[in-house]
């Protein structure tokens, strides 16, 4: 893991706790918030860049991990973006099913379909 994601001691535990649990929950909430106000999904790119640097700073300040290494930033950005897009799609699916029930129905947890 040190080749793609160089980290200090307890790097995997720090990645799971800070990036996936704390950062993932915050990113999921950010994705829901963007969808709630009917903004396009591409706006998440900027918000996830800010979230990535916040997560990297927490890892650096509290757990003495490297701050701005390319591999770390890229992996964290992709992981946080995945959580944000999941939150966005879940909220958008709920919105389409509840605000337009005569046209759309929920297909799965992240998709909707037109009623026949």
C-alpha atoms as a PDB file:
ATOM      1  CA  UNK A   1       0.000   0.000   0.000  1.00  0.00           C
ATOM      2  CA  UNK A   2       2.975   2.315   0.449  1.00  0.00           C
ATOM      3  CA  UNK A   3       3.548   2.553  -3.299  1.00  0.00           C
ATOM      4  CA  UNK A   4       0.150   4.071  -4.177  1.00  0.00           C
ATOM      5  CA  UNK A   5      -0.711   5.523  -0.770  1.00  0.00           C
ATOM      6  CA  UNK A   6       2.406   6.352   1.243  1.00  0.00           C
ATOM      7  CA  UNK A   7       1.518   6.742   4.882  1.00  0.00           C
ATOM      8  CA  UNK A   8       3.055   6.796   8.305  1.00  0.00           C
ATOM      9  CA  UNK A   9       2.439   4.374  11.144  1.00  0.00           C
ATOM     10  CA  UNK A  10      -1.080   2.904  11.289  1.00  0.00           C
ATOM     11  CA  UNK A  11      -1.757   4.268   7.802  1.00  0.00           C
ATOM     12  CA  UNK A  12      -4.526   1.827   6.911  1.00  0.00           C
ATOM     13  CA  UNK A  13      -6.407   2.400  10.181  1.00  0.00           C
ATOM     14  CA  UNK A  14      -6.121   6.173   9.754  1.00  0.00           C
ATOM     15  CA  UNK A  15      -7.317   5.919   6.146  1.00  0.00           C
ATOM     16  CA  UNK A  16     -10.334   3.829   7.135  1.00  0.00           C
ATOM     17  CA  UNK A  17     -11.284   6.015  10.104  1.00  0.00           C
ATOM     18  CA  UNK A  18     -10.624   9.510   8.773  1.00  0.00           C
ATOM     19  CA  UNK A  19     -11.170   9.147   5.035  1.00  0.00           C
ATOM     20  CA  UNK A  20     -13.795   6.445   4.755  1.00  0.00           C
ATOM     21  CA  UNK A  21     -15.816   6.891   7.958  1.00  0.00           C
ATOM     22  CA  UNK A  22     -15.552  10.587   8.854  1.00  0.00           C
ATOM     23  CA  UNK A  23     -14.860  11.998   5.388  1.00  0.00           C
ATOM     24  CA  UNK A  24     -17.283   9.564   3.744  1.00  0.00           C
ATOM     25  CA  UNK A  25     -20.131  10.629   6.018  1.00  0.00           C
ATOM     26  CA  UNK A  26     -19.393  14.308   5.414  1.00  0.00           C
ATOM     27  CA  UNK A  27     -19.134  13.747   1.650  1.00  0.00           C
ATOM     28  CA  UNK A  28     -22.378  11.773   1.583  1.00  0.00           C
ATOM     29  CA  UNK A  29     -24.100  14.659   3.407  1.00  0.00           C
ATOM     30  CA  UNK A  30     -22.580  17.174   0.985  1.00  0.00           C
ATOM     31  CA  UNK A  31     -23.854  15.158  -1.970  1.00  0.00           C
ATOM     32  CA  UNK A  32     -27.337  15.092  -0.453  1.00  0.00           C
ATOM     33  CA  UNK A  33     -27.198  18.846   0.172  1.00  0.00           C
ATOM     34  CA  UNK A  34     -26.243  19.604  -3.433  1.00  0.00           C
ATOM     35  CA  UNK A  35     -29.062  17.391  -4.703  1.00  0.00           C
ATOM     36  CA  UNK A  36     -31.552  18.907  -2.251  1.00  0.00           C
ATOM     37  CA  UNK A  37     -31.232  22.336  -3.833  1.00  0.00           C
ATOM     38  CA  UNK A  38     -31.413  20.865  -7.379  1.00  0.00           C
ATOM     39  CA  UNK A  39     -27.843  21.769  -8.334  1.00  0.00           C
ATOM     40  CA  UNK A  40     -26.009  19.740 -11.011  1.00  0.00           C
ATOM     41  CA  UNK A  41     -23.747  16.877  -9.968  1.00  0.00           C
ATOM     42  CA  UNK A  42     -20.624  18.474 -11.469  1.00  0.00           C
ATOM     43  CA  UNK A  43     -20.601  20.984  -8.597  1.00  0.00           C
ATOM     44  CA  UNK A  44     -19.532  18.165  -6.307  1.00  0.00           C
ATOM     45  CA  UNK A  45     -16.077  18.213  -7.920  1.00  0.00           C
ATOM     46  CA  UNK A  46     -15.180  21.522  -6.260  1.00  0.00           C
ATOM     47  CA  UNK A  47     -16.716  20.596  -2.910  1.00  0.00           C
ATOM     48  CA  UNK A  48     -14.916  17.275  -2.839  1.00  0.00           C
ATOM     49  CA  UNK A  49     -11.610  19.006  -3.553  1.00  0.00           C
ATOM     50  CA  UNK A  50     -12.161  21.129  -0.445  1.00  0.00           C
ATOM     51  CA  UNK A  51     -13.242  18.066   1.531  1.00  0.00           C
ATOM     52  CA  UNK A  52     -10.123  16.197   0.391  1.00  0.00           C
ATOM     53  CA  UNK A  53      -7.835  18.889   1.724  1.00  0.00           C
ATOM     54  CA  UNK A  54      -9.777  18.965   5.001  1.00  0.00           C
ATOM     55  CA  UNK A  55      -9.406  15.189   5.378  1.00  0.00           C
ATOM     56  CA  UNK A  56      -5.723  15.345   4.451  1.00  0.00           C
ATOM     57  CA  UNK A  57      -5.204  18.093   7.049  1.00  0.00           C
ATOM     58  CA  UNK A  58      -6.878  16.029   9.784  1.00  0.00           C
ATOM     59  CA  UNK A  59      -4.668  13.076   8.900  1.00  0.00           C
ATOM     60  CA  UNK A  60      -1.597  15.308   8.908  1.00  0.00           C
ATOM     61  CA  UNK A  61      -2.388  17.232  12.098  1.00  0.00           C
ATOM     62  CA  UNK A  62      -3.689  14.415  14.264  1.00  0.00           C
ATOM     63  CA  UNK A  63      -1.957  11.308  12.956  1.00  0.00           C
ATOM     64  CA  UNK A  64       1.309  12.667  11.443  1.00  0.00           C
ATOM     65  CA  UNK A  65       0.535  11.373   7.938  1.00  0.00           C
ATOM     66  CA  UNK A  66       2.088  12.979   4.829  1.00  0.00           C
ATOM     67  CA  UNK A  67       0.027  16.020   3.829  1.00  0.00           C
ATOM     68  CA  UNK A  68       0.166  16.659   0.082  1.00  0.00           C
ATOM     69  CA  UNK A  69       1.473  13.618  -1.707  1.00  0.00           C
ATOM     70  CA  UNK A  70      -0.098  13.028  -5.106  1.00  0.00           C
ATOM     71  CA  UNK A  71      -1.140   9.434  -4.475  1.00  0.00           C
ATOM     72  CA  UNK A  72      -2.767  10.217  -1.136  1.00  0.00           C
ATOM     73  CA  UNK A  73      -4.690  13.187  -2.449  1.00  0.00           C
ATOM     74  CA  UNK A  74      -5.893  11.283  -5.501  1.00  0.00           C
ATOM     75  CA  UNK A  75      -7.059   8.219  -3.556  1.00  0.00           C
ATOM     76  CA  UNK A  76      -8.813  10.372  -0.945  1.00  0.00           C
ATOM     77  CA  UNK A  77     -10.464  12.506  -3.639  1.00  0.00           C
ATOM     78  CA  UNK A  78     -11.798   9.452  -5.479  1.00  0.00           C
ATOM     79  CA  UNK A  79     -13.081   7.831  -2.286  1.00  0.00           C
ATOM     80  CA  UNK A  80     -14.803  11.005  -1.096  1.00  0.00           C
ATOM     81  CA  UNK A  81     -16.255  11.656  -4.556  1.00  0.00           C
ATOM     82  CA  UNK A  82     -17.762   8.165  -4.600  1.00  0.00           C
ATOM     83  CA  UNK A  83     -19.534   8.799  -1.281  1.00  0.00           C
ATOM     84  CA  UNK A  84     -20.734  12.209  -2.473  1.00  0.00           C
ATOM     85  CA  UNK A  85     -22.125  10.822  -5.726  1.00  0.00           C
ATOM     86  CA  UNK A  86     -23.904   8.062  -3.827  1.00  0.00           C
ATOM     87  CA  UNK A  87     -25.533  10.611  -1.524  1.00  0.00           C
ATOM     88  CA  UNK A  88     -26.452  12.773  -4.513  1.00  0.00           C
ATOM     89  CA  UNK A  89     -28.075   9.920  -6.450  1.00  0.00           C
ATOM     90  CA  UNK A  90     -29.951   8.631  -3.421  1.00  0.00           C
ATOM     91  CA  UNK A  91     -31.410  12.070  -2.719  1.00  0.00           C
ATOM     92  CA  UNK A  92     -32.236  12.723  -6.367  1.00  0.00           C
ATOM     93  CA  UNK A  93     -34.005   9.350  -6.598  1.00  0.00           C
ATOM     94  CA  UNK A  94     -36.053  10.184  -3.526  1.00  0.00           C
ATOM     95  CA  UNK A  95     -36.878  13.643  -4.928  1.00  0.00           C
ATOM     96  CA  UNK A  96     -38.026  12.316  -8.285  1.00  0.00           C
ATOM     97  CA  UNK A  97     -40.189   9.652  -6.650  1.00  0.00           C
ATOM     98  CA  UNK A  98     -41.844  11.941  -4.096  1.00  0.00           C
ATOM     99  CA  UNK A  99     -42.126  15.230  -5.993  1.00  0.00           C
ATOM    100  CA  UNK A 100     -43.221  13.704  -9.297  1.00  0.00           C
ATOM    101  CA  UNK A 101     -45.083  10.519  -8.287  1.00  0.00           C
ATOM    102  CA  UNK A 102     -47.405  10.666 -11.311  1.00  0.00           C
ATOM    103  CA  UNK A 103     -44.434  10.456 -13.722  1.00  0.00           C
ATOM    104  CA  UNK A 104     -41.613   8.574 -11.965  1.00  0.00           C
ATOM    105  CA  UNK A 105     -41.213   5.658  -9.610  1.00  0.00           C
ATOM    106  CA  UNK A 106     -38.129   4.538  -7.728  1.00  0.00           C
ATOM    107  CA  UNK A 107     -36.246   1.894  -9.708  1.00  0.00           C
ATOM    108  CA  UNK A 108     -33.508   1.085  -7.195  1.00  0.00           C
ATOM    109  CA  UNK A 109     -31.803   2.950  -4.402  1.00  0.00           C
ATOM    110  CA  UNK A 110     -29.972   5.180  -6.914  1.00  0.00           C
ATOM    111  CA  UNK A 111     -32.242   5.265  -9.952  1.00  0.00           C
ATOM    112  CA  UNK A 112     -35.765   6.086 -10.995  1.00  0.00           C
ATOM    113  CA  UNK A 113     -37.834   5.147 -13.980  1.00  0.00           C
ATOM    114  CA  UNK A 114     -40.812   6.510 -15.843  1.00  0.00           C
ATOM    115  CA  UNK A 115     -44.168   5.016 -14.968  1.00  0.00           C
ATOM    116  CA  UNK A 116     -45.891   3.060 -17.721  1.00  0.00           C
END
